[in-house]
Amino acid sequence: MNPVDYALLAQRAYSDAPTIGQADSASRMHVYGDVHMFRGSDDIQSWLHDFDIALVDTPFGKLHAGIWHAWLDIREPCLALPPPSAIGGHSEGAGLAIFEAAEWAKLGHVVPVYAFEPPRICGDDVLAKMLAVWKVPFFATRNGNDLVTEIPTLMSLPGPLTRIGTPALSLPNLIDHSIDRVIAALSNP
């Protein structure tokens, strides 16, 4: 599979019932074969977790509290499954995917992560250093001038962003955040 295939699964997750968690929550994961996929914010519970931008101490450093707590709600059942071949997600789901990849690496299973348009989730460089030491394959995108990949402004990502696509607008925007636009950009590099 390639990044477009994973992005298509991320798109599919928005319409499928989750394998783990509740559809109307921030805590939900989809299993497609041996791939774990997390969808982004599309309900009030997800938005509430997105806006909880306090930093919380975790085994992986200081992380985005709302997304970390969404992960903790489904952590046990996700890690009870066999290790996946890849993990991915879009938007808030990209942050959840990164957290799951870190958890599997800590357990000795290095799994590539495909993070499409992730918000910033780190308040320090601890997770970035851990992912580097564990050699977790990390593919994260910023389509055009997607605003979401630039917030919260005082946080960072634990790996580099790959620039894709042509901006819909000359300034940071939410149009470029759409999973449909991400798929189009990945399909026509």
Protein backbone atom coordinates (compact mmCIF):
# COMPACT_ATOMS: atom_id res chain seq x y z
CA MET A 1 0.00 0.00 0.00
CA ASN A 2 1.05 3.60 -0.55
CA PRO A 3 0.06 6.93 1.07
CA VAL A 4 -2.96 7.33 -1.25
CA ASP A 5 -4.29 3.94 -0.15
CA TYR A 6 -3.98 4.93 3.51
CA ALA A 7 -5.63 8.30 2.84
CA LEU A 8 -8.52 6.48 1.17
CA LEU A 9 -8.92 4.36 4.31
CA ALA A 10 -8.87 7.55 6.41
CA GLN A 11 -11.67 8.90 4.21
CA ARG A 12 -13.63 5.66 4.55
CA ALA A 13 -13.36 5.85 8.35
CA TYR A 14 -15.61 8.92 8.33
CA SER A 15 -18.57 6.84 7.12
CA ASP A 16 -17.92 3.41 8.66
CA ALA A 17 -18.85 2.41 12.19
CA PRO A 18 -15.73 2.22 14.36
CA THR A 19 -14.29 -1.15 15.35
CA ILE A 20 -13.36 0.25 18.76
CA GLY A 21 -15.05 3.16 20.50
CA GLN A 22 -18.25 5.05 19.81
CA ALA A 23 -19.09 6.83 16.55
CA ASP A 24 -20.09 10.03 18.36
CA SER A 25 -16.91 10.40 20.39
CA ALA A 26 -13.31 11.50 19.94
CA SER A 27 -12.19 7.97 20.83
CA ARG A 28 -12.71 5.62 17.89
CA MET A 29 -10.56 3.38 15.76
CA HIS A 30 -11.27 1.40 12.61
CA VAL A 31 -9.61 -1.87 11.61
CA TYR A 32 -9.23 -2.49 7.87
CA GLY A 33 -7.49 -5.84 7.40
CA ASP A 34 -4.33 -5.34 9.44
CA VAL A 35 -4.38 -1.52 9.30
CA HIS A 36 -5.61 0.68 12.17
CA MET A 37 -7.22 3.95 11.09
CA PHE A 38 -8.49 6.93 13.11
CA ARG A 39 -10.93 9.49 11.75
CA GLY A 40 -10.82 13.17 12.51
CA SER A 41 -13.18 15.57 14.19
CA ASP A 42 -16.75 15.36 12.97
CA ASP A 43 -18.79 15.72 16.16
CA ILE A 44 -19.00 17.82 19.31
CA GLN A 45 -16.99 15.39 21.47
CA SER A 46 -14.11 15.48 19.00
CA TRP A 47 -14.14 19.28 18.88
CA LEU A 48 -14.12 19.47 22.67
CA HIS A 49 -11.03 17.24 22.75
CA ASP A 50 -9.40 19.33 20.00
CA PHE A 51 -9.84 22.53 22.00
CA ASP A 52 -8.41 21.01 25.20
CA ILE A 53 -4.91 22.22 24.34
CA ALA A 54 -3.43 22.07 27.82
CA LEU A 55 -0.29 19.98 28.10
CA VAL A 56 -0.34 16.78 30.11
CA ASP A 57 2.62 14.72 31.32
CA THR A 58 2.69 11.28 29.66
CA PRO A 59 5.25 8.49 29.23
CA PHE A 60 5.99 10.17 25.86
CA GLY A 61 6.57 13.68 27.18
CA LYS A 62 4.22 16.64 27.39
CA LEU A 63 1.35 16.09 24.98
CA HIS A 64 -1.92 17.71 23.84
CA ALA A 65 -4.31 16.86 26.70
CA GLY A 66 -7.51 16.47 24.70
CA ILE A 67 -6.10 14.12 22.07
CA TRP A 68 -4.09 12.19 24.68
CA HIS A 69 -7.23 11.64 26.78
CA ALA A 70 -9.14 10.53 23.65
CA TRP A 71 -6.36 7.97 23.10
CA LEU A 72 -6.45 6.75 26.71
CA ASP A 73 -10.18 6.01 26.39
CA ILE A 74 -9.48 3.33 23.74
CA ARG A 75 -5.85 2.46 24.42
CA GLU A 76 -6.45 -0.92 26.10
CA PRO A 77 -8.72 -2.43 23.41
CA CYS A 78 -6.49 -1.08 20.60
CA LEU A 79 -3.36 -2.61 22.12
CA ALA A 80 -5.21 -5.88 22.81
CA LEU A 81 -5.41 -6.45 19.04
CA PRO A 82 -2.57 -8.03 17.06
CA PRO A 83 0.03 -5.44 16.03
CA PRO A 84 -1.09 -3.72 12.81
CA SER A 85 0.98 -3.44 9.64
CA ALA A 86 0.36 0.32 9.55
CA ILE A 87 -1.51 3.01 11.47
CA GLY A 88 -3.06 6.13 10.00
CA GLY A 89 -5.49 8.93 10.52
CA HIS A 90 -6.69 12.33 9.42
CA SER A 91 -6.70 15.50 11.54
CA GLU A 92 -7.35 14.63 15.20
CA GLY A 93 -7.17 11.00 14.04
CA ALA A 94 -3.62 11.64 12.83
CA GLY A 95 -2.66 12.60 16.37
CA LEU A 96 -4.29 9.44 17.71
CA ALA A 97 -2.42 7.40 15.09
CA ILE A 98 0.89 8.88 16.20
CA PHE A 99 0.12 8.00 19.82
CA GLU A 100 -0.79 4.42 18.91
CA ALA A 101 2.39 4.05 16.83
CA ALA A 102 4.43 5.23 19.84
CA GLU A 103 2.67 2.72 22.09
CA TRP A 104 3.37 -0.18 19.71
CA ALA A 105 7.02 0.89 19.35
CA LYS A 106 7.37 1.00 23.14
CA LEU A 107 6.07 -2.60 23.17
CA GLY A 108 8.69 -3.62 20.59
CA HIS A 109 6.54 -3.49 17.42
CA VAL A 110 7.66 -0.78 15.01
CA VAL A 111 4.70 0.19 12.84
CA PRO A 112 4.69 2.93 10.18
CA VAL A 113 2.36 5.85 10.83
CA TYR A 114 0.52 7.85 8.14
CA ALA A 115 -0.65 11.13 9.68
CA PHE A 116 -2.70 13.20 7.24
CA GLU A 117 -3.02 16.86 8.28
CA PRO A 118 -2.19 16.38 11.97
CA PRO A 119 -2.56 19.15 14.53
CA ARG A 120 0.47 19.87 16.65
CA ILE A 121 0.46 17.52 19.65
CA CYS A 122 3.82 17.89 21.45
CA GLY A 123 4.87 20.36 24.12
CA ASP A 124 8.46 19.11 24.12
CA ASP A 125 10.75 16.93 21.99
CA VAL A 126 10.47 13.69 24.01
CA LEU A 127 8.10 11.89 21.61
CA ALA A 128 10.13 13.01 18.58
CA LYS A 129 13.30 11.58 20.12
CA MET A 130 11.57 8.32 21.05
CA LEU A 131 10.14 7.82 17.55
CA ALA A 132 13.59 8.52 16.09
CA VAL A 133 15.33 6.04 18.42
CA TRP A 134 12.70 3.40 17.67
CA LYS A 135 13.00 4.19 13.92
CA VAL A 136 9.24 4.49 13.47
CA PRO A 137 8.52 5.28 9.79
CA PHE A 138 6.73 8.64 9.95
CA PHE A 139 4.76 10.15 7.07
CA ALA A 140 2.78 13.30 7.88
CA THR A 141 1.33 15.74 5.37
CA ARG A 142 0.52 19.41 5.08
CA ASN A 143 -1.71 19.97 2.08
CA GLY A 144 -1.42 23.46 0.60
CA ASN A 145 -1.83 26.00 3.38
CA ASP A 146 -3.77 23.82 5.80
CA LEU A 147 -4.27 25.76 9.02
CA VAL A 148 -4.72 22.68 11.25
CA THR A 149 -1.10 21.58 10.85
CA GLU A 150 -0.01 24.95 12.28
CA ILE A 151 -2.01 24.81 15.52
CA PRO A 152 -1.79 24.93 18.47
CA THR A 153 0.97 27.43 17.73
CA LEU A 154 3.07 26.72 20.84
CA MET A 155 3.20 22.98 20.15
CA SER A 156 5.07 20.90 17.58
CA LEU A 157 4.87 17.57 15.78
CA PRO A 158 7.17 14.64 16.56
CA GLY A 159 8.34 14.42 12.95
CA PRO A 160 8.55 16.38 9.71
CA LEU A 161 5.62 17.38 7.52
CA THR A 162 5.68 16.47 3.83
CA ARG A 163 4.30 19.36 1.78
CA ILE A 164 1.72 18.27 -0.80
CA GLY A 165 -0.87 19.93 -3.02
CA THR A 166 -1.55 23.38 -4.33
CA PRO A 167 -3.02 25.83 -1.81
CA ALA A 168 -6.70 26.72 -2.25
CA LEU A 169 -5.91 30.14 -0.75
CA SER A 170 -2.70 32.11 -0.27
CA LEU A 171 -3.18 32.20 3.49
CA PRO A 172 -3.66 29.42 6.07
CA ASN A 173 -7.13 27.92 5.58
CA LEU A 174 -9.39 24.97 6.33
CA ILE A 175 -10.24 24.20 2.71
CA ASP A 176 -6.87 22.49 2.25
CA HIS A 177 -7.58 20.35 5.34
CA SER A 178 -10.25 18.26 3.59
CA ILE A 179 -9.37 14.57 3.25
CA ASP A 180 -10.73 14.75 -0.32
CA ARG A 181 -8.16 17.44 -1.17
CA VAL A 182 -5.41 15.41 0.53
CA ILE A 183 -6.29 12.37 -1.60
CA ALA A 184 -6.31 14.49 -4.76
CA ALA A 185 -2.91 15.98 -3.87
CA LEU A 186 -1.38 12.58 -3.13
CA SER A 187 -2.87 11.13 -6.33
CA ASN A 188 -1.45 13.92 -8.53
CA PRO A 189 1.95 14.89 -7.05
